[in-house]
Amino acid sequence: MKKLLINAFLFSFLSLNIEANEALFIKYADKSINSSTLVERQGLKYQVNTNTPFSGRFLTYQDNNIFCVSEAGSYKRGLLHGPFEAYEGCGVLYSYKTAYKNGLEHGAYSEYEEGYLIMEGEMVNGLAEGKWTGYEYGRLSWTEDVKNDETINLTEYSYYDNGQVSMKDVYNGNSELHGISEAYHLNGQLKSKTEYRNGDVIRIIEEYDFNGNLLN
C-alpha cells in the first residue's frame, strides 16, 4: 500500500517537461532501491551488509525525502551502467540526462535549465567527443567540435532583439577568431564575411548593404 501511495505521488509531480512513459524514476519506481542504502568500497557500490558489488536500479531522494526524487539510474557490478537522469523540483524538470558504461559516461548527454534544453552532445568513455550544441531558451547559441574533451573549434551565434541572427563568429581551440565569421543586417540580409587567422583579420571577403547590394 505504501509503495502505491509513493508511486501515485511521483506521478502527480509530472509536468510537460517529463513524460510518464519516458522518465526513469517512473520506470524504475517498482524495481529499484534507495541509493542511501548503498556504500562505497574501493570505488564500487555495495548494499549495506553485503559483499557483492551491487547490480540493479536505484533512485536518489533529496534530503532523504522519499517524495522528492533527484536521480535515477543503475549499477552493474558496483559501477554506474546504463541510462542516468537527474531532476529539479522533485522530478518536475530534468537537470540532465546521460548514460554510463562501466562507470564512465558513455552515450548521449543533454543538460537543461528551468526546463529548457541548454546543451547536448556525446560522451565516449568519460570524455566529450564530436559535435556539441548549446541553446538559449530554445535558440541556437553555439556549436563546438570536440576531441578527447578538448575544443577544436567553436561557432557562436549572436541575435538582434527581433530574433534575427546578427553575428556568426568562428573560434579555434584557443578562443581566437579563426575562420570565416559572418555579420547580418537586422532584416536577415548578409552584411559581411570576414576571414580570421588566430585572432587576426586576414581579409574582408565581401560586404553588402541592407538591401543585399554588394559593396566591395
Protein backbone atom coordinates (compact mmCIF):
# COMPACT_ATOMS: atom_id res chain seq x y z
CA MET A 1 0.00 0.00 0.00
CA LYS A 2 2.83 2.37 0.90
CA LYS A 3 4.55 1.80 -2.46
CA LEU A 4 1.32 2.52 -4.31
CA LEU A 5 0.95 5.82 -2.47
CA ILE A 6 4.53 6.78 -3.30
CA ASN A 7 4.06 5.97 -6.98
CA ALA A 8 0.87 7.99 -7.12
CA PHE A 9 2.66 10.91 -5.52
CA LEU A 10 5.50 10.73 -8.01
CA PHE A 11 3.12 10.73 -10.96
CA SER A 12 1.42 13.84 -9.57
CA PHE A 13 4.70 15.76 -9.94
CA LEU A 14 4.97 15.20 -13.68
CA SER A 15 4.78 18.22 -15.98
CA LEU A 16 5.06 18.70 -19.74
CA ASN A 17 8.84 18.57 -19.34
CA ILE A 18 8.83 14.99 -18.10
CA GLU A 19 6.51 12.44 -19.63
CA ALA A 20 5.50 9.43 -17.57
CA ASN A 21 6.46 6.99 -20.33
CA GLU A 22 9.98 8.45 -20.55
CA ALA A 23 11.21 9.38 -17.07
CA LEU A 24 13.45 6.76 -15.49
CA PHE A 25 12.20 7.41 -11.98
CA ILE A 26 8.73 6.38 -13.12
CA LYS A 27 10.01 3.30 -14.96
CA TYR A 28 12.17 2.30 -12.01
CA ALA A 29 9.71 3.07 -9.21
CA ASP A 30 8.68 -0.55 -8.61
CA LYS A 31 12.07 -2.18 -9.14
CA SER A 32 14.72 -0.02 -7.54
CA ILE A 33 16.44 0.63 -4.24
CA ASN A 34 17.05 3.86 -2.36
CA SER A 35 20.63 4.91 -3.13
CA SER A 36 21.09 5.90 0.51
CA THR A 37 21.30 2.15 1.27
CA LEU A 38 24.47 1.87 -0.81
CA VAL A 39 28.01 2.26 0.47
CA GLU A 40 31.25 2.65 -1.46
CA ARG A 41 34.25 0.39 -1.04
CA GLN A 42 37.33 0.83 -3.22
CA GLY A 43 35.37 2.65 -5.90
CA LEU A 44 32.49 0.15 -6.07
CA LYS A 45 28.96 0.40 -4.66
CA TYR A 46 27.60 -2.24 -2.30
CA GLN A 47 24.37 -2.59 -0.43
CA VAL A 48 24.87 -2.33 3.30
CA ASN A 49 25.94 -5.63 4.89
CA THR A 50 26.69 -7.34 1.56
CA ASN A 51 29.96 -8.43 -0.01
CA THR A 52 28.89 -8.48 -3.66
CA PRO A 53 29.08 -5.28 -5.74
CA PHE A 54 25.56 -4.02 -6.37
CA SER A 55 23.81 -4.57 -9.69
CA GLY A 56 20.39 -3.05 -10.21
CA ARG A 57 18.38 0.14 -10.40
CA PHE A 58 18.32 2.95 -7.87
CA LEU A 59 16.57 6.19 -7.03
CA THR A 60 18.13 9.06 -5.10
CA TYR A 61 15.93 11.30 -2.98
CA GLN A 62 16.67 14.87 -1.98
CA ASP A 63 17.47 15.17 1.72
CA ASN A 64 16.25 11.56 2.10
CA ASN A 65 12.71 12.72 1.36
CA ILE A 66 11.06 9.75 -0.40
CA PHE A 67 8.63 12.14 -2.10
CA CYS A 68 11.38 14.19 -3.76
CA VAL A 69 13.36 12.23 -6.34
CA SER A 70 16.59 13.79 -7.64
CA GLU A 71 18.31 10.97 -9.57
CA ALA A 72 17.55 7.68 -11.28
CA GLY A 73 19.98 5.18 -12.72
CA SER A 74 21.50 1.74 -12.40
CA TYR A 75 24.67 -0.06 -11.40
CA LYS A 76 26.38 -3.11 -12.86
CA ARG A 77 28.81 -4.90 -10.58
CA GLY A 78 29.19 -1.78 -8.47
CA LEU A 79 29.70 0.73 -11.28
CA LEU A 80 27.22 3.11 -12.89
CA HIS A 81 25.98 1.48 -16.06
CA GLY A 82 23.07 2.37 -18.33
CA PRO A 83 20.78 5.43 -18.62
CA PHE A 84 21.02 8.06 -15.88
CA GLU A 85 18.79 11.07 -15.18
CA ALA A 86 18.97 13.93 -12.69
CA TYR A 87 15.97 16.13 -11.86
CA GLU A 88 14.98 19.51 -10.49
CA GLY A 89 11.90 20.31 -8.43
CA CYS A 90 11.36 16.79 -7.10
CA GLY A 91 11.12 15.23 -10.53
CA VAL A 92 9.20 18.00 -12.28
CA LEU A 93 12.05 19.08 -14.58
CA TYR A 94 15.11 17.40 -16.00
CA SER A 95 18.51 18.66 -14.82
CA TYR A 96 20.49 16.44 -17.17
CA LYS A 97 20.32 13.08 -18.92
CA THR A 98 23.28 10.88 -19.75
CA ALA A 99 24.39 7.25 -19.79
CA TYR A 100 27.20 5.24 -18.26
CA LYS A 101 29.28 2.26 -19.32
CA ASN A 102 31.30 0.54 -16.62
CA GLY A 103 31.42 3.68 -14.50
CA LEU A 104 32.24 6.17 -17.26
CA GLU A 105 29.83 8.48 -19.07
CA HIS A 106 29.22 6.98 -22.48
CA GLY A 107 26.43 7.98 -24.85
CA ALA A 108 24.13 10.92 -25.49
CA TYR A 109 24.27 13.79 -22.97
CA SER A 110 21.72 16.58 -22.58
CA GLU A 111 21.53 19.35 -19.98
CA TYR A 112 18.57 21.54 -19.01
CA GLU A 113 17.88 24.79 -17.19
CA GLU A 114 14.37 25.71 -16.00
CA GLY A 115 13.05 23.04 -18.34
CA TYR A 116 14.89 24.32 -21.41
CA LEU A 117 17.48 22.26 -23.25
CA ILE A 118 20.74 24.22 -22.99
CA MET A 119 23.38 21.74 -24.17
CA GLU A 120 23.67 18.37 -25.88
CA GLY A 121 26.40 16.17 -27.23
CA GLU A 122 28.09 12.79 -26.97
CA MET A 123 30.26 11.27 -24.27
CA VAL A 124 32.74 8.49 -25.10
CA ASN A 125 34.42 6.64 -22.24
CA GLY A 126 34.10 9.62 -19.92
CA LEU A 127 35.20 12.28 -22.43
CA ALA A 128 33.22 14.74 -24.56
CA GLU A 129 33.53 13.86 -28.23
CA GLY A 130 32.23 15.06 -31.60
CA LYS A 131 29.66 17.79 -32.22
CA TRP A 132 28.24 19.62 -29.19
CA THR A 133 25.46 22.20 -29.34
CA GLY A 134 24.30 24.90 -26.94
CA TYR A 135 20.93 26.67 -26.78
CA GLU A 136 19.46 29.68 -25.02
CA TYR A 137 15.69 29.46 -24.49
CA GLY A 138 15.34 27.14 -27.46
CA ARG A 139 17.54 29.23 -29.76
CA LEU A 140 20.88 28.02 -31.15
CA SER A 141 23.67 29.67 -29.14
CA TRP A 142 26.84 27.80 -30.14
CA THR A 143 28.22 24.68 -31.77
CA GLU A 144 31.50 23.06 -30.88
CA ASP A 145 33.71 20.33 -32.32
CA VAL A 146 35.36 18.36 -29.53
CA LYS A 147 38.03 15.66 -29.49
CA ASN A 148 39.08 13.88 -26.29
CA ASP A 149 37.32 16.55 -24.19
CA GLU A 150 39.25 19.37 -25.92
CA THR A 151 37.61 22.07 -28.06
CA ILE A 152 38.83 22.00 -31.67
CA ASN A 153 36.67 24.87 -32.90
CA LEU A 154 33.67 26.84 -31.71
CA THR A 155 30.96 28.78 -33.53
CA GLU A 156 28.97 31.37 -31.55
CA TYR A 157 25.70 33.00 -32.62
CA SER A 158 24.50 36.48 -31.58
CA TYR A 159 20.99 37.83 -32.15
CA TYR A 160 19.09 41.07 -32.57
CA ASP A 161 16.11 41.74 -30.31
CA ASN A 162 13.80 40.59 -33.12
CA GLY A 163 15.40 37.14 -33.03
CA GLN A 164 17.37 37.57 -36.25
CA VAL A 165 20.99 36.39 -36.26
CA SER A 166 23.40 39.36 -36.01
CA MET A 167 26.78 37.60 -35.85
CA LYS A 168 28.20 34.17 -36.50
CA ASP A 169 31.75 34.03 -35.15
CA VAL A 170 34.15 31.10 -35.52
CA TYR A 171 36.94 30.43 -33.00
CA ASN A 172 39.81 27.99 -32.71
CA GLY A 173 40.64 25.91 -29.65
CA ASN A 174 42.46 28.87 -28.09
CA SER A 175 39.31 31.06 -28.20
CA GLU A 176 40.77 33.16 -31.02
CA LEU A 177 38.72 34.19 -34.04
CA HIS A 178 39.76 31.74 -36.73
CA GLY A 179 37.97 31.04 -39.98
CA ILE A 180 35.16 32.93 -41.68
CA SER A 181 32.84 35.00 -39.47
CA GLU A 182 29.59 36.45 -40.77
CA ALA A 183 27.63 39.58 -39.84
CA TYR A 184 23.97 40.18 -40.72
CA HIS A 185 21.68 43.19 -41.03
CA LEU A 186 18.57 43.46 -38.90
CA ASN A 187 16.44 42.21 -41.82
CA GLY A 188 18.48 39.00 -42.10
CA GLN A 189 20.47 40.12 -45.13
CA LEU A 190 24.15 39.13 -45.05
CA LYS A 191 26.23 42.19 -44.11
CA SER A 192 29.78 40.89 -44.36
CA LYS A 193 32.11 37.92 -44.37
CA THR A 194 35.50 38.30 -42.72
CA GLU A 195 38.32 35.79 -42.61
CA TYR A 196 40.41 35.49 -39.44
CA ARG A 197 43.51 33.53 -38.59
CA ASN A 198 44.45 33.01 -34.95
CA GLY A 199 42.72 36.23 -33.93
CA ASP A 200 44.00 38.44 -36.79
CA VAL A 201 41.93 39.76 -39.69
CA ILE A 202 43.17 38.27 -42.96
CA ARG A 203 40.65 39.87 -45.31
CA ILE A 204 37.12 41.13 -45.67
CA ILE A 205 35.72 38.73 -48.23
CA GLU A 206 32.54 40.63 -49.09
CA GLU A 207 30.20 43.31 -47.79
CA TYR A 208 26.53 44.05 -48.53
CA ASP A 209 24.14 46.88 -47.77
CA PHE A 210 20.74 46.49 -46.09
CA ASN A 211 19.13 45.63 -49.43
CA GLY A 212 21.67 42.98 -50.43
CA ASN A 213 23.72 45.09 -52.82
CA LEU A 214 27.39 44.15 -52.98
CA LEU A 215 29.63 46.94 -51.63
CA ASN A 216 33.09 45.61 -52.45
